[in-house]
C-alpha atoms as a PDB file:
ATOM      1  CA  UNK A   1      -2.576  18.318  35.875  1.00  0.00           C
ATOM      2  CA  UNK A   2      -4.309  14.977  36.417  1.00  0.00           C
ATOM      3  CA  UNK A   3      -7.869  14.554  35.215  1.00  0.00           C
ATOM      4  CA  UNK A   4      -8.589  12.620  38.422  1.00  0.00           C
ATOM      5  CA  UNK A   5      -8.068  15.792  40.464  1.00  0.00           C
ATOM      6  CA  UNK A   6     -10.210  17.798  38.076  1.00  0.00           C
ATOM      7  CA  UNK A   7     -13.016  15.293  38.537  1.00  0.00           C
ATOM      8  CA  UNK A   8     -12.826  15.680  42.308  1.00  0.00           C
ATOM      9  CA  UNK A   9     -13.129  19.453  41.887  1.00  0.00           C
ATOM     10  CA  UNK A  10     -16.138  19.039  39.592  1.00  0.00           C
ATOM     11  CA  UNK A  11     -17.829  16.666  42.066  1.00  0.00           C
ATOM     12  CA  UNK A  12     -17.213  19.085  44.938  1.00  0.00           C
ATOM     13  CA  UNK A  13     -18.693  21.893  42.872  1.00  0.00           C
ATOM     14  CA  UNK A  14     -21.704  19.745  41.970  1.00  0.00           C
ATOM     15  CA  UNK A  15     -22.375  18.138  45.364  1.00  0.00           C
ATOM     16  CA  UNK A  16     -21.200  20.856  47.735  1.00  0.00           C
ATOM     17  CA  UNK A  17     -19.297  18.747  50.300  1.00  0.00           C
ATOM     18  CA  UNK A  18     -16.069  16.798  50.608  1.00  0.00           C
ATOM     19  CA  UNK A  19     -17.902  13.720  51.877  1.00  0.00           C
ATOM     20  CA  UNK A  20     -20.359  13.687  48.989  1.00  0.00           C
ATOM     21  CA  UNK A  21     -17.544  14.181  46.490  1.00  0.00           C
ATOM     22  CA  UNK A  22     -15.587  11.336  48.098  1.00  0.00           C
ATOM     23  CA  UNK A  23     -18.613   9.011  47.947  1.00  0.00           C
ATOM     24  CA  UNK A  24     -19.195   9.874  44.274  1.00  0.00           C
ATOM     25  CA  UNK A  25     -15.725   8.627  43.281  1.00  0.00           C
ATOM     26  CA  UNK A  26     -15.492   5.875  45.910  1.00  0.00           C
ATOM     27  CA  UNK A  27     -12.652   7.326  47.960  1.00  0.00           C
ATOM     28  CA  UNK A  28     -12.119   9.008  51.339  1.00  0.00           C
ATOM     29  CA  UNK A  29     -12.668  12.605  52.408  1.00  0.00           C
ATOM     30  CA  UNK A  30      -8.995  12.958  53.326  1.00  0.00           C
ATOM     31  CA  UNK A  31      -7.988  11.819  49.846  1.00  0.00           C
ATOM     32  CA  UNK A  32     -10.250  14.426  48.256  1.00  0.00           C
ATOM     33  CA  UNK A  33      -8.728  17.116  50.489  1.00  0.00           C
ATOM     34  CA  UNK A  34      -5.159  16.042  49.706  1.00  0.00           C
ATOM     35  CA  UNK A  35      -5.743  15.892  45.955  1.00  0.00           C
ATOM     36  CA  UNK A  36      -7.424  19.302  45.863  1.00  0.00           C
ATOM     37  CA  UNK A  37      -4.495  20.741  47.819  1.00  0.00           C
ATOM     38  CA  UNK A  38      -2.115  19.365  45.179  1.00  0.00           C
ATOM     39  CA  UNK A  39      -4.315  20.776  42.412  1.00  0.00           C
ATOM     40  CA  UNK A  40      -4.319  24.219  44.062  1.00  0.00           C
ATOM     41  CA  UNK A  41      -0.521  24.101  44.271  1.00  0.00           C
ATOM     42  CA  UNK A  42      -0.308  23.169  40.583  1.00  0.00           C
ATOM     43  CA  UNK A  43      -2.596  26.059  39.640  1.00  0.00           C
ATOM     44  CA  UNK A  44      -0.835  28.528  41.947  1.00  0.00           C
ATOM     45  CA  UNK A  45      -4.035  29.733  43.591  1.00  0.00           C
ATOM     46  CA  UNK A  46      -6.517  28.714  46.296  1.00  0.00           C
ATOM     47  CA  UNK A  47      -9.411  26.643  44.999  1.00  0.00           C
ATOM     48  CA  UNK A  48     -11.421  26.075  48.209  1.00  0.00           C
ATOM     49  CA  UNK A  49     -12.017  28.051  51.394  1.00  0.00           C
ATOM     50  CA  UNK A  50     -13.694  27.331  54.753  1.00  0.00           C
ATOM     51  CA  UNK A  51     -17.450  27.835  54.975  1.00  0.00           C
ATOM     52  CA  UNK A  52     -18.379  27.063  58.565  1.00  0.00           C
ATOM     53  CA  UNK A  53     -17.823  23.354  59.074  1.00  0.00           C
ATOM     54  CA  UNK A  54     -17.764  22.812  55.334  1.00  0.00           C
ATOM     55  CA  UNK A  55     -15.791  24.199  52.408  1.00  0.00           C
ATOM     56  CA  UNK A  56     -16.764  26.055  49.285  1.00  0.00           C
ATOM     57  CA  UNK A  57     -15.040  26.875  46.041  1.00  0.00           C
ATOM     58  CA  UNK A  58     -13.256  30.160  45.640  1.00  0.00           C
ATOM     59  CA  UNK A  59     -13.975  32.209  42.504  1.00  0.00           C
ATOM     60  CA  UNK A  60     -10.847  30.657  40.969  1.00  0.00           C
ATOM     61  CA  UNK A  61     -12.088  27.225  42.044  1.00  0.00           C
ATOM     62  CA  UNK A  62     -15.465  27.806  40.392  1.00  0.00           C
ATOM     63  CA  UNK A  63     -13.788  28.966  37.184  1.00  0.00           C
ATOM     64  CA  UNK A  64     -11.470  25.961  37.128  1.00  0.00           C
ATOM     65  CA  UNK A  65     -14.461  23.669  37.716  1.00  0.00           C
ATOM     66  CA  UNK A  66     -16.075  25.137  34.613  1.00  0.00           C
ATOM     67  CA  UNK A  67     -12.924  24.413  32.612  1.00  0.00           C
ATOM     68  CA  UNK A  68     -12.677  20.953  34.173  1.00  0.00           C
ATOM     69  CA  UNK A  69     -16.176  20.057  33.025  1.00  0.00           C
ATOM     70  CA  UNK A  70     -15.204  20.810  29.434  1.00  0.00           C
ATOM     71  CA  UNK A  71     -11.831  19.058  29.788  1.00  0.00           C
ATOM     72  CA  UNK A  72     -13.313  15.895  31.252  1.00  0.00           C
ATOM     73  CA  UNK A  73     -15.969  15.771  28.543  1.00  0.00           C
ATOM     74  CA  UNK A  74     -13.273  16.080  25.884  1.00  0.00           C
ATOM     75  CA  UNK A  75     -11.202  13.325  27.516  1.00  0.00           C
ATOM     76  CA  UNK A  76     -14.215  11.018  27.611  1.00  0.00           C
ATOM     77  CA  UNK A  77     -14.987  11.792  23.980  1.00  0.00           C
ATOM     78  CA  UNK A  78     -11.400  10.974  23.039  1.00  0.00           C
ATOM     79  CA  UNK A  79     -11.525   7.718  25.016  1.00  0.00           C
ATOM     80  CA  UNK A  80     -14.702   6.627  23.265  1.00  0.00           C
ATOM     81  CA  UNK A  81     -13.353   7.775  19.903  1.00  0.00           C
ATOM     82  CA  UNK A  82     -10.224   5.645  20.257  1.00  0.00           C
ATOM     83  CA  UNK A  83     -11.756   2.583  21.885  1.00  0.00           C
ATOM     84  CA  UNK A  84     -11.014  -0.647  19.967  1.00  0.00           C
ATOM     85  CA  UNK A  85     -14.696  -1.304  19.354  1.00  0.00           C
ATOM     86  CA  UNK A  86     -15.595   2.190  18.128  1.00  0.00           C
ATOM     87  CA  UNK A  87     -16.385   3.144  14.540  1.00  0.00           C
ATOM     88  CA  UNK A  88     -13.079   3.902  12.740  1.00  0.00           C
ATOM     89  CA  UNK A  89     -12.662   7.615  12.173  1.00  0.00           C
ATOM     90  CA  UNK A  90      -9.946  10.241  12.033  1.00  0.00           C
ATOM     91  CA  UNK A  91      -6.870  10.507   9.803  1.00  0.00           C
ATOM     92  CA  UNK A  92      -4.702   7.493   8.936  1.00  0.00           C
ATOM     93  CA  UNK A  93      -1.293   8.328   7.452  1.00  0.00           C
ATOM     94  CA  UNK A  94       0.072   5.720   5.018  1.00  0.00           C
ATOM     95  CA  UNK A  95       3.525   5.649   3.417  1.00  0.00           C
ATOM     96  CA  UNK A  96       4.277   2.957   0.868  1.00  0.00           C
ATOM     97  CA  UNK A  97       5.616   1.883  -2.504  1.00  0.00           C
ATOM     98  CA  UNK A  98       3.686   2.711  -5.647  1.00  0.00           C
ATOM     99  CA  UNK A  99       2.335  -0.742  -6.554  1.00  0.00           C
ATOM    100  CA  UNK A 100       0.916  -1.288  -3.073  1.00  0.00           C
ATOM    101  CA  UNK A 101      -0.750   2.110  -3.138  1.00  0.00           C
ATOM    102  CA  UNK A 102      -2.043   1.970  -6.712  1.00  0.00           C
ATOM    103  CA  UNK A 103      -3.142  -1.678  -6.860  1.00  0.00           C
ATOM    104  CA  UNK A 104      -4.205  -2.424  -3.298  1.00  0.00           C
ATOM    105  CA  UNK A 105      -4.773   0.727  -1.246  1.00  0.00           C
ATOM    106  CA  UNK A 106      -6.564   3.038  -3.699  1.00  0.00           C
ATOM    107  CA  UNK A 107      -9.404   0.562  -4.416  1.00  0.00           C
ATOM    108  CA  UNK A 108      -9.964   0.267  -0.663  1.00  0.00           C
ATOM    109  CA  UNK A 109     -10.136   4.033  -0.239  1.00  0.00           C
ATOM    110  CA  UNK A 110     -12.898   4.233  -2.827  1.00  0.00           C
ATOM    111  CA  UNK A 111     -14.954   1.818  -0.726  1.00  0.00           C
ATOM    112  CA  UNK A 112     -14.010   3.464   2.575  1.00  0.00           C
ATOM    113  CA  UNK A 113     -15.380   6.840   1.491  1.00  0.00           C
ATOM    114  CA  UNK A 114     -18.791   5.167   1.461  1.00  0.00           C
ATOM    115  CA  UNK A 115     -18.510   2.683   4.344  1.00  0.00           C
ATOM    116  CA  UNK A 116     -16.509   4.913   6.721  1.00  0.00           C
ATOM    117  CA  UNK A 117     -16.983   8.546   5.662  1.00  0.00           C
ATOM    118  CA  UNK A 118     -15.366   9.851   8.868  1.00  0.00           C
ATOM    119  CA  UNK A 119     -12.094   8.078   8.064  1.00  0.00           C
ATOM    120  CA  UNK A 120      -9.542  10.010   6.011  1.00  0.00           C
ATOM    121  CA  UNK A 121      -6.438   8.392   4.499  1.00  0.00           C
ATOM    122  CA  UNK A 122      -3.353  10.480   3.712  1.00  0.00           C
ATOM    123  CA  UNK A 123      -0.866   8.899   1.280  1.00  0.00           C
ATOM    124  CA  UNK A 124       2.865   9.401   0.771  1.00  0.00           C
ATOM    125  CA  UNK A 125       4.709   7.382  -1.881  1.00  0.00           C
ATOM    126  CA  UNK A 126       8.014   6.075  -0.512  1.00  0.00           C
ATOM    127  CA  UNK A 127      10.384   3.169  -0.886  1.00  0.00           C
ATOM    128  CA  UNK A 128      10.467   0.773   2.111  1.00  0.00           C
ATOM    129  CA  UNK A 129      13.515   2.238   3.866  1.00  0.00           C
ATOM    130  CA  UNK A 130      12.013   5.718   3.600  1.00  0.00           C
ATOM    131  CA  UNK A 131       8.590   4.548   4.810  1.00  0.00           C
ATOM    132  CA  UNK A 132      10.130   2.762   7.792  1.00  0.00           C
ATOM    133  CA  UNK A 133      12.051   5.906   8.731  1.00  0.00           C
ATOM    134  CA  UNK A 134       8.770   7.841   8.716  1.00  0.00           C
ATOM    135  CA  UNK A 135       7.210   5.144  10.887  1.00  0.00           C
ATOM    136  CA  UNK A 136      10.071   5.342  13.400  1.00  0.00           C
ATOM    137  CA  UNK A 137       9.736   9.138  13.521  1.00  0.00           C
ATOM    138  CA  UNK A 138       5.958   8.833  14.047  1.00  0.00           C
ATOM    139  CA  UNK A 139       5.345  10.693  10.797  1.00  0.00           C
ATOM    140  CA  UNK A 140       3.195   7.907   9.400  1.00  0.00           C
ATOM    141  CA  UNK A 141       0.896   5.286  10.941  1.00  0.00           C
ATOM    142  CA  UNK A 142       1.209   2.486   8.399  1.00  0.00           C
ATOM    143  CA  UNK A 143       4.120   1.564   6.130  1.00  0.00           C
ATOM    144  CA  UNK A 144       3.612  -0.585   3.032  1.00  0.00           C
ATOM    145  CA  UNK A 145       6.977  -2.196   2.325  1.00  0.00           C
ATOM    146  CA  UNK A 146       8.592  -5.136   0.592  1.00  0.00           C
ATOM    147  CA  UNK A 147      11.756  -7.187   0.488  1.00  0.00           C
ATOM    148  CA  UNK A 148      13.011 -10.095  -1.647  1.00  0.00           C
ATOM    149  CA  UNK A 149      13.536 -13.692  -0.667  1.00  0.00           C
ATOM    150  CA  UNK A 150      17.172 -13.263  -1.772  1.00  0.00           C
ATOM    151  CA  UNK A 151      17.541  -9.931   0.053  1.00  0.00           C
ATOM    152  CA  UNK A 152      15.530 -10.250   3.274  1.00  0.00           C
ATOM    153  CA  UNK A 153      15.253  -7.138   5.414  1.00  0.00           C
ATOM    154  CA  UNK A 154      16.229  -7.031   9.064  1.00  0.00           C
ATOM    155  CA  UNK A 155      13.571  -7.373  11.735  1.00  0.00           C
ATOM    156  CA  UNK A 156      12.720  -4.622  14.207  1.00  0.00           C
ATOM    157  CA  UNK A 157      11.161  -5.691  17.532  1.00  0.00           C
ATOM    158  CA  UNK A 158       9.397  -2.324  17.783  1.00  0.00           C
ATOM    159  CA  UNK A 159       7.380  -3.044  14.633  1.00  0.00           C
ATOM    160  CA  UNK A 160       4.552  -5.439  13.824  1.00  0.00           C
ATOM    161  CA  UNK A 161       4.587  -6.908  10.322  1.00  0.00           C
ATOM    162  CA  UNK A 162       1.543  -8.243   8.470  1.00  0.00           C
ATOM    163  CA  UNK A 163       2.395 -10.282   5.368  1.00  0.00           C
ATOM    164  CA  UNK A 164       0.316  -9.266   2.337  1.00  0.00           C
ATOM    165  CA  UNK A 165       1.324 -10.865  -0.975  1.00  0.00           C
ATOM    166  CA  UNK A 166       4.206 -12.231  -3.002  1.00  0.00           C
ATOM    167  CA  UNK A 167       5.169 -11.638  -6.635  1.00  0.00           C
ATOM    168  CA  UNK A 168       7.635 -13.502  -8.840  1.00  0.00           C
ATOM    169  CA  UNK A 169      10.180 -11.537 -10.859  1.00  0.00           C
ATOM    170  CA  UNK A 170      12.101 -12.230 -14.038  1.00  0.00           C
ATOM    171  CA  UNK A 171      14.933 -10.732 -16.052  1.00  0.00           C
ATOM    172  CA  UNK A 172      14.065  -8.095 -18.651  1.00  0.00           C
ATOM    173  CA  UNK A 173      16.361  -8.235 -21.698  1.00  0.00           C
ATOM    174  CA  UNK A 174      16.265  -6.763 -25.239  1.00  0.00           C
ATOM    175  CA  UNK A 175      14.040  -8.852 -27.463  1.00  0.00           C
ATOM    176  CA  UNK A 176      16.778  -8.969 -30.106  1.00  0.00           C
ATOM    177  CA  UNK A 177      19.649  -9.661 -27.692  1.00  0.00           C
ATOM    178  CA  UNK A 178      22.365 -11.656 -29.382  1.00  0.00           C
ATOM    179  CA  UNK A 179      22.469 -14.067 -26.451  1.00  0.00           C
ATOM    180  CA  UNK A 180      21.427 -17.705 -26.469  1.00  0.00           C
ATOM    181  CA  UNK A 181      18.957 -17.870 -23.581  1.00  0.00           C
ATOM    182  CA  UNK A 182      18.855 -21.384 -22.096  1.00  0.00           C
ATOM    183  CA  UNK A 183      15.650 -23.336 -22.078  1.00  0.00           C
ATOM    184  CA  UNK A 184      16.384 -24.588 -18.583  1.00  0.00           C
ATOM    185  CA  UNK A 185      14.899 -23.190 -15.399  1.00  0.00           C
ATOM    186  CA  UNK A 186      18.321 -22.468 -13.881  1.00  0.00           C
ATOM    187  CA  UNK A 187      18.440 -18.794 -12.883  1.00  0.00           C
ATOM    188  CA  UNK A 188      22.228 -18.883 -12.620  1.00  0.00           C
ATOM    189  CA  UNK A 189      22.442 -20.102 -16.207  1.00  0.00           C
ATOM    190  CA  UNK A 190      20.213 -17.230 -17.344  1.00  0.00           C
ATOM    191  CA  UNK A 191      22.324 -14.673 -15.499  1.00  0.00           C
ATOM    192  CA  UNK A 192      25.544 -16.128 -16.882  1.00  0.00           C
ATOM    193  CA  UNK A 193      24.353 -15.544 -20.466  1.00  0.00           C
ATOM    194  CA  UNK A 194      24.088 -11.795 -19.737  1.00  0.00           C
ATOM    195  CA  UNK A 195      27.307 -11.360 -17.781  1.00  0.00           C
ATOM    196  CA  UNK A 196      28.682  -8.939 -20.391  1.00  0.00           C
ATOM    197  CA  UNK A 197      25.623  -6.678 -20.225  1.00  0.00           C
ATOM    198  CA  UNK A 198      25.219  -3.496 -18.202  1.00  0.00           C
ATOM    199  CA  UNK A 199      22.713  -3.890 -15.354  1.00  0.00           C
ATOM    200  CA  UNK A 200      19.914  -1.501 -14.311  1.00  0.00           C
ATOM    201  CA  UNK A 201      18.940  -1.180 -10.622  1.00  0.00           C
ATOM    202  CA  UNK A 202      16.684   0.926  -8.422  1.00  0.00           C
ATOM    203  CA  UNK A 203      17.801   4.464  -7.630  1.00  0.00           C
ATOM    204  CA  UNK A 204      15.982   4.632  -4.269  1.00  0.00           C
ATOM    205  CA  UNK A 205      16.594   1.169  -2.853  1.00  0.00           C
ATOM    206  CA  UNK A 206      19.400  -1.375  -2.762  1.00  0.00           C
ATOM    207  CA  UNK A 207      17.274  -4.536  -2.523  1.00  0.00           C
ATOM    208  CA  UNK A 208      17.159  -5.468  -6.205  1.00  0.00           C
ATOM    209  CA  UNK A 209      20.865  -4.652  -6.548  1.00  0.00           C
ATOM    210  CA  UNK A 210      21.523  -7.115  -3.706  1.00  0.00           C
ATOM    211  CA  UNK A 211      19.490  -9.753  -5.560  1.00  0.00           C
ATOM    212  CA  UNK A 212      21.371  -9.139  -8.807  1.00  0.00           C
ATOM    213  CA  UNK A 213      24.764  -9.262  -7.108  1.00  0.00           C
ATOM    214  CA  UNK A 214      23.813 -12.431  -5.234  1.00  0.00           C
ATOM    215  CA  UNK A 215      22.644 -14.286  -8.358  1.00  0.00           C
ATOM    216  CA  UNK A 216      25.577 -13.025 -10.421  1.00  0.00           C
ATOM    217  CA  UNK A 217      27.952 -14.276  -7.739  1.00  0.00           C
ATOM    218  CA  UNK A 218      26.228 -17.666  -7.859  1.00  0.00           C
ATOM    219  CA  UNK A 219      26.722 -17.601 -11.645  1.00  0.00           C
ATOM    220  CA  UNK A 220      30.425 -16.799 -11.223  1.00  0.00           C
ATOM    221  CA  UNK A 221      30.709 -13.128 -12.209  1.00  0.00           C
ATOM    222  CA  UNK A 222      30.452  -9.573 -10.859  1.00  0.00           C
ATOM    223  CA  UNK A 223      27.680  -7.565 -12.591  1.00  0.00           C
ATOM    224  CA  UNK A 224      28.546  -4.219 -14.145  1.00  0.00           C
ATOM    225  CA  UNK A 225      25.865  -2.015 -12.584  1.00  0.00           C
ATOM    226  CA  UNK A 226      25.755   1.251 -14.507  1.00  0.00           C
ATOM    227  CA  UNK A 227      22.190   2.627 -14.379  1.00  0.00           C
ATOM    228  CA  UNK A 228      19.893   3.531 -11.495  1.00  0.00           C
ATOM    229  CA  UNK A 229      16.249   4.449 -12.129  1.00  0.00           C
ATOM    230  CA  UNK A 230      13.044   4.524 -10.107  1.00  0.00           C
ATOM    231  CA  UNK A 231      10.435   3.745 -12.786  1.00  0.00           C
ATOM    232  CA  UNK A 232       9.789   0.270 -14.183  1.00  0.00           C
ATOM    233  CA  UNK A 233       8.576   1.841 -17.423  1.00  0.00           C
ATOM    234  CA  UNK A 234      11.912   3.644 -17.647  1.00  0.00           C
ATOM    235  CA  UNK A 235      13.711   0.345 -17.008  1.00  0.00           C
ATOM    236  CA  UNK A 236      11.858  -1.158 -19.961  1.00  0.00           C
ATOM    237  CA  UNK A 237      12.630   1.862 -22.116  1.00  0.00           C
ATOM    238  CA  UNK A 238      16.316   1.579 -21.315  1.00  0.00           C
ATOM    239  CA  UNK A 239      16.288  -2.157 -22.068  1.00  0.00           C
ATOM    240  CA  UNK A 240      14.612  -1.434 -25.406  1.00  0.00           C
ATOM    241  CA  UNK A 241      17.370   0.997 -26.373  1.00  0.00           C
ATOM    242  CA  UNK A 242      20.067  -1.508 -25.421  1.00  0.00           C
ATOM    243  CA  UNK A 243      21.332   0.229 -22.300  1.00  0.00           C
ATOM    244  CA  UNK A 244      21.232  -2.888 -20.165  1.00  0.00           C
ATOM    245  CA  UNK A 245      19.130  -5.572 -18.492  1.00  0.00           C
ATOM    246  CA  UNK A 246      17.238  -5.540 -15.211  1.00  0.00           C
ATOM    247  CA  UNK A 247      14.706  -7.232 -12.960  1.00  0.00           C
ATOM    248  CA  UNK A 248      11.014  -6.859 -13.811  1.00  0.00           C
ATOM    249  CA  UNK A 249       7.881  -8.409 -12.262  1.00  0.00           C
ATOM    250  CA  UNK A 250       6.369 -11.287 -14.225  1.00  0.00           C
ATOM    251  CA  UNK A 251       2.928 -10.667 -15.650  1.00  0.00           C
ATOM    252  CA  UNK A 252       3.323  -6.963 -16.438  1.00  0.00           C
ATOM    253  CA  UNK A 253       2.711  -5.742 -20.011  1.00  0.00           C
ATOM    254  CA  UNK A 254       6.112  -5.550 -21.658  1.00  0.00           C
ATOM    255  CA  UNK A 255       7.310  -3.054 -24.248  1.00  0.00           C
ATOM    256  CA  UNK A 256       7.623  -4.443 -27.819  1.00  0.00           C
ATOM    257  CA  UNK A 257      11.401  -4.396 -27.502  1.00  0.00           C
ATOM    258  CA  UNK A 258      11.548  -6.232 -24.159  1.00  0.00           C
ATOM    259  CA  UNK A 259      11.678  -9.954 -23.473  1.00  0.00           C
ATOM    260  CA  UNK A 260      10.907 -11.078 -19.922  1.00  0.00           C
ATOM    261  CA  UNK A 261      12.681 -14.292 -18.908  1.00  0.00           C
ATOM    262  CA  UNK A 262      11.271 -16.140 -15.850  1.00  0.00           C
ATOM    263  CA  UNK A 263      13.771 -16.851 -13.082  1.00  0.00           C
ATOM    264  CA  UNK A 264      12.748 -20.201 -11.652  1.00  0.00           C
ATOM    265  CA  UNK A 265      15.589 -21.887  -9.765  1.00  0.00           C
ATOM    266  CA  UNK A 266      16.125 -20.075  -7.531  1.00  0.00           C
ATOM    267  CA  UNK A 267      13.071 -17.863  -7.877  1.00  0.00           C
ATOM    268  CA  UNK A 268      13.225 -14.125  -7.284  1.00  0.00           C
ATOM    269  CA  UNK A 269      10.238 -13.360  -5.097  1.00  0.00           C
ATOM    270  CA  UNK A 270       9.109  -9.958  -3.872  1.00  0.00           C
ATOM    271  CA  UNK A 271       7.250 -10.051  -0.541  1.00  0.00           C
ATOM    272  CA  UNK A 272       4.953  -7.202   0.466  1.00  0.00           C
ATOM    273  CA  UNK A 273       4.021  -6.185   4.021  1.00  0.00           C
ATOM    274  CA  UNK A 274       1.933  -3.790   6.077  1.00  0.00           C
ATOM    275  CA  UNK A 275       4.023  -2.524   8.998  1.00  0.00           C
ATOM    276  CA  UNK A 276       2.911  -0.633  12.109  1.00  0.00           C
ATOM    277  CA  UNK A 277       4.414   0.218  15.463  1.00  0.00           C
ATOM    278  CA  UNK A 278       3.612  -2.037  18.390  1.00  0.00           C
ATOM    279  CA  UNK A 279       1.205  -0.301  20.733  1.00  0.00           C
ATOM    280  CA  UNK A 280      -0.763   1.255  17.864  1.00  0.00           C
ATOM    281  CA  UNK A 281      -2.444  -1.889  16.575  1.00  0.00           C
ATOM    282  CA  UNK A 282      -5.657  -1.448  18.562  1.00  0.00           C
ATOM    283  CA  UNK A 283      -6.423   1.907  16.921  1.00  0.00           C
ATOM    284  CA  UNK A 284      -9.566   1.193  14.839  1.00  0.00           C
ATOM    285  CA  UNK A 285      -8.522   2.967  11.587  1.00  0.00           C
ATOM    286  CA  UNK A 286      -5.159   1.185  11.563  1.00  0.00           C
ATOM    287  CA  UNK A 287      -6.752  -2.173  12.364  1.00  0.00           C
ATOM    288  CA  UNK A 288      -9.411  -1.729   9.695  1.00  0.00           C
ATOM    289  CA  UNK A 289      -7.108  -0.758   6.821  1.00  0.00           C
ATOM    290  CA  UNK A 290      -4.488  -3.404   7.684  1.00  0.00           C
ATOM    291  CA  UNK A 291      -7.141  -6.128   7.771  1.00  0.00           C
ATOM    292  CA  UNK A 292      -8.679  -4.940   4.500  1.00  0.00           C
ATOM    293  CA  UNK A 293      -5.279  -4.953   2.787  1.00  0.00           C
ATOM    294  CA  UNK A 294      -4.621  -8.500   3.990  1.00  0.00           C
ATOM    295  CA  UNK A 295      -8.065  -9.650   2.845  1.00  0.00           C
ATOM    296  CA  UNK A 296      -7.620  -8.041  -0.557  1.00  0.00           C
ATOM    297  CA  UNK A 297      -4.199  -9.645  -0.994  1.00  0.00           C
ATOM    298  CA  UNK A 298      -5.592 -13.084  -0.079  1.00  0.00           C
ATOM    299  CA  UNK A 299      -8.565 -12.694  -2.423  1.00  0.00           C
ATOM    300  CA  UNK A 300      -6.332 -11.536  -5.287  1.00  0.00           C
ATOM    301  CA  UNK A 301      -4.030 -14.512  -4.780  1.00  0.00           C
ATOM    302  CA  UNK A 302      -6.924 -16.959  -4.639  1.00  0.00           C
ATOM    303  CA  UNK A 303      -8.345 -15.775  -7.969  1.00  0.00           C
ATOM    304  CA  UNK A 304      -5.107 -15.115  -9.837  1.00  0.00           C
ATOM    305  CA  UNK A 305      -4.272 -17.550 -12.648  1.00  0.00           C
ATOM    306  CA  UNK A 306      -0.710 -16.257 -12.824  1.00  0.00           C
ATOM    307  CA  UNK A 307       2.384 -17.443 -10.940  1.00  0.00           C
ATOM    308  CA  UNK A 308       3.331 -13.851 -10.073  1.00  0.00           C
ATOM    309  CA  UNK A 309       1.180 -13.702  -6.955  1.00  0.00           C
ATOM    310  CA  UNK A 310       0.774 -16.083  -4.084  1.00  0.00           C
ATOM    311  CA  UNK A 311      -1.107 -16.299  -0.843  1.00  0.00           C
ATOM    312  CA  UNK A 312      -0.288 -14.816   2.549  1.00  0.00           C
ATOM    313  CA  UNK A 313       3.194 -15.626   3.808  1.00  0.00           C
ATOM    314  CA  UNK A 314       4.910 -15.925   7.114  1.00  0.00           C
ATOM    315  CA  UNK A 315       6.366 -12.547   8.146  1.00  0.00           C
ATOM    316  CA  UNK A 316      10.150 -12.655   7.729  1.00  0.00           C
ATOM    317  CA  UNK A 317      12.511  -9.734   8.185  1.00  0.00           C
ATOM    318  CA  UNK A 318      12.109  -6.298   6.433  1.00  0.00           C
ATOM    319  CA  UNK A 319      13.053  -3.586   3.560  1.00  0.00           C
ATOM    320  CA  UNK A 320      12.992  -2.439  -0.113  1.00  0.00           C
ATOM    321  CA  UNK A 321      12.271  -2.155  -4.052  1.00  0.00           C
ATOM    322  CA  UNK A 322      10.364  -0.063  -6.660  1.00  0.00           C
ATOM    323  CA  UNK A 323       7.368  -1.883  -8.197  1.00  0.00           C
END
């Protein structure tokens, strides 16, 4: 049922003649007649009947006109509600990794409850691959994801990617490890010193495992990956008890038993993104939150004295880790 036909019925009910209804919508009388005939066929009942040289609505036609008035008002309300220049409101579904949610999204939500009280944000914590699957299935509106410079994710032409921030990572090792750590900035040299260690990787993503395998290969060995965990605190706990070594973000508070070695050449860099489906970008809530995330990331980078964050980056390809 097309709303255009419903409007013609409403105009006929309001104005009382085919000609007047046609003039109101800038069309011809024959077009009004044809469209109302189609509408009657769709509804399975007569909507108009002869009334001398004119026509009038049947009881069914009058009832449908009443419904049409409500329907058209609702459609107009929806159009205004979703217009790009309208006040953001409604429910925005966000799926993303924990650091992005905790450090960047939650502070925004606190402000949004005051500045945009009609906007509600629903949050689901997921690794990038999981969040992107939800986005593809239309079960979320915005995915907060990441990849690494040494494990770039594949691009998807159906998705629009907004670069947010970068973070440098190092190698977490036991503070009392009986390994002579080089004073050079050569990442391959650092990895080579821990070739005999067990390695800890993410249990919900393969990105950091790809980075570890890549750097180990460059250092001339195959890493013995034995542990998979999802929590960085648990990674540190396992390092402390001598269960292995693993990647950790620079700048985080480390456990007393953990030493964090910077990886400089080549660097290990995590890159964070806000991802949405093409065709959805004009929706005000999605536009607002994406822009606020990008602004927050840029402001954080500009005022950070540490080398573990950097400014906005060019969007590369796409996927995932566990910060």
